[in-house]
């Protein structure tokens, strides 16, 4: 789809900041979340001997989320360049964004599923005391 005489892909390419600035912005923007997640990862390692499978699921989920958030941000940053190199049409480029959003949401869903399983696994059943 073209807006005026410039395609949406070309507009995205001209508005994009250089990679160094983008990477610095990305790290600063996500730094608090990454610090909190690393705190949770350390906590999971501390509790590893007591609950190894729960700790493993927690660590995996948080690491996958940290990696996924940076990878998808970088992919979205380079998407106009990728589209130009692959000679994608504007229509294909318009479809590629939502497809990447779905993949991103699926990976985030996997992270949430792992965290919920970790939260509810290895629970001891409550013992009922007869009065």
Protein backbone atom coordinates (compact mmCIF):
# COMPACT_ATOMS: atom_id res chain seq x y z
CA UNK A 1 0.00 0.00 0.00
CA UNK A 2 1.38 3.39 -0.92
CA UNK A 3 0.77 6.60 0.95
CA UNK A 4 1.15 9.41 -1.53
CA UNK A 5 4.09 8.38 -3.68
CA UNK A 6 6.01 6.60 -0.90
CA UNK A 7 5.21 3.02 0.05
CA UNK A 8 4.66 2.08 3.68
CA UNK A 9 7.85 0.00 3.59
CA UNK A 10 9.89 2.99 2.39
CA UNK A 11 8.29 5.23 5.02
CA UNK A 12 9.24 2.77 7.75
CA UNK A 13 12.77 2.63 6.40
CA UNK A 14 13.22 6.42 6.38
CA UNK A 15 11.79 6.87 9.88
CA UNK A 16 13.98 4.17 11.40
CA UNK A 17 16.82 5.24 13.70
CA UNK A 18 20.33 3.87 13.23
CA UNK A 19 21.00 0.49 14.81
CA UNK A 20 23.30 1.70 17.61
CA UNK A 21 20.75 4.24 18.83
CA UNK A 22 18.00 1.68 18.49
CA UNK A 23 19.93 -0.94 20.47
CA UNK A 24 20.71 1.56 23.24
CA UNK A 25 17.06 2.61 23.35
CA UNK A 26 15.95 -1.03 23.43
CA UNK A 27 18.30 -1.95 26.28
CA UNK A 28 17.34 1.12 28.32
CA UNK A 29 13.65 0.58 27.74
CA UNK A 30 13.73 -3.05 28.82
CA UNK A 31 16.42 -2.79 31.49
CA UNK A 32 14.09 -2.74 34.50
CA UNK A 33 12.18 -5.78 33.27
CA UNK A 34 15.41 -7.65 32.51
CA UNK A 35 16.82 -6.85 35.98
CA UNK A 36 13.60 -8.09 37.61
CA UNK A 37 13.63 -11.26 35.50
CA UNK A 38 17.27 -11.92 36.35
CA UNK A 39 16.32 -11.57 40.01
CA UNK A 40 13.63 -14.23 39.48
CA UNK A 41 16.14 -16.43 37.66
CA UNK A 42 18.60 -16.15 40.56
CA UNK A 43 15.77 -16.96 42.99
CA UNK A 44 14.90 -20.03 40.89
CA UNK A 45 18.53 -21.19 40.99
CA UNK A 46 18.60 -20.73 44.76
CA UNK A 47 15.51 -22.94 45.07
CA UNK A 48 16.78 -25.47 42.48
CA UNK A 49 17.63 -28.27 44.95
CA UNK A 50 14.24 -28.03 46.62
CA UNK A 51 12.14 -27.80 43.42
CA UNK A 52 14.28 -28.67 40.38
CA UNK A 53 11.53 -29.03 37.77
CA UNK A 54 9.72 -25.86 38.88
CA UNK A 55 12.99 -23.93 38.84
CA UNK A 56 13.88 -25.29 35.41
CA UNK A 57 10.52 -24.27 33.93
CA UNK A 58 10.80 -20.81 35.47
CA UNK A 59 14.34 -20.25 34.25
CA UNK A 60 13.50 -21.49 30.74
CA UNK A 61 10.38 -19.33 30.51
CA UNK A 62 12.13 -16.16 31.64
CA UNK A 63 15.18 -16.69 29.43
CA UNK A 64 12.97 -17.43 26.42
CA UNK A 65 11.02 -14.23 27.10
CA UNK A 66 14.15 -12.08 27.44
CA UNK A 67 15.65 -13.48 24.23
CA UNK A 68 12.36 -13.34 22.35
CA UNK A 69 11.68 -9.73 23.27
CA UNK A 70 15.09 -8.59 22.02
CA UNK A 71 15.04 -10.77 18.89
CA UNK A 72 11.60 -9.62 17.78
CA UNK A 73 12.45 -5.97 18.42
CA UNK A 74 15.54 -6.34 16.24
CA UNK A 75 13.57 -8.21 13.55
CA UNK A 76 10.96 -5.44 13.48
CA UNK A 77 13.75 -2.88 13.24
CA UNK A 78 15.29 -4.56 10.20
CA UNK A 79 11.99 -5.57 8.60
CA UNK A 80 12.05 -2.81 5.96
CA UNK A 81 15.60 -3.80 4.93
CA UNK A 82 14.63 -7.47 4.81
CA UNK A 83 11.62 -6.63 2.66
CA UNK A 84 13.74 -4.64 0.23
CA UNK A 85 16.42 -7.36 -0.03
CA UNK A 86 13.81 -10.05 -0.64
CA UNK A 87 11.95 -7.82 -3.12
CA UNK A 88 8.69 -8.18 -1.22
CA UNK A 89 5.69 -6.35 -2.57
CA UNK A 90 3.92 -3.81 -0.42
CA UNK A 91 1.03 -6.23 0.01
CA UNK A 92 3.34 -8.99 1.26
CA UNK A 93 5.06 -6.50 3.55
CA UNK A 94 1.66 -5.51 4.98
CA UNK A 95 0.92 -9.18 5.75
CA UNK A 96 4.35 -9.91 7.23
CA UNK A 97 3.86 -7.61 10.23
CA UNK A 98 0.69 -9.31 11.50
CA UNK A 99 2.23 -12.75 10.90
CA UNK A 100 5.22 -11.78 13.04
CA UNK A 101 2.81 -10.45 15.68
CA UNK A 102 1.08 -13.85 15.80
CA UNK A 103 4.41 -15.68 16.15
CA UNK A 104 5.41 -13.24 18.89
CA UNK A 105 2.11 -13.85 20.70
CA UNK A 106 2.51 -17.63 20.40
CA UNK A 107 5.97 -17.51 21.95
CA UNK A 108 4.69 -15.26 24.74
CA UNK A 109 1.84 -17.73 25.30
CA UNK A 110 4.39 -20.52 25.65
CA UNK A 111 6.22 -18.44 28.28
CA UNK A 112 2.99 -17.89 30.20
CA UNK A 113 2.09 -21.59 29.99
CA UNK A 114 5.50 -22.55 31.38
CA UNK A 115 5.17 -20.07 34.23
CA UNK A 116 1.66 -21.26 35.13
CA UNK A 117 2.76 -24.90 35.04
CA UNK A 118 5.71 -24.00 37.25
CA UNK A 119 3.45 -22.16 39.68
CA UNK A 120 1.05 -25.07 40.09
CA UNK A 121 3.35 -28.08 39.81
CA UNK A 122 4.79 -30.00 42.74
CA UNK A 123 2.05 -28.81 45.04
CA UNK A 124 1.31 -31.04 47.96
CA UNK A 125 -2.29 -31.88 48.41
CA UNK A 126 -3.83 -30.50 51.55
CA UNK A 127 -4.31 -33.05 54.25
CA UNK A 128 -7.76 -33.06 55.72
CA UNK A 129 -7.87 -33.43 59.46
CA UNK A 130 -11.04 -35.00 60.75
CA UNK A 131 -12.40 -33.17 63.77
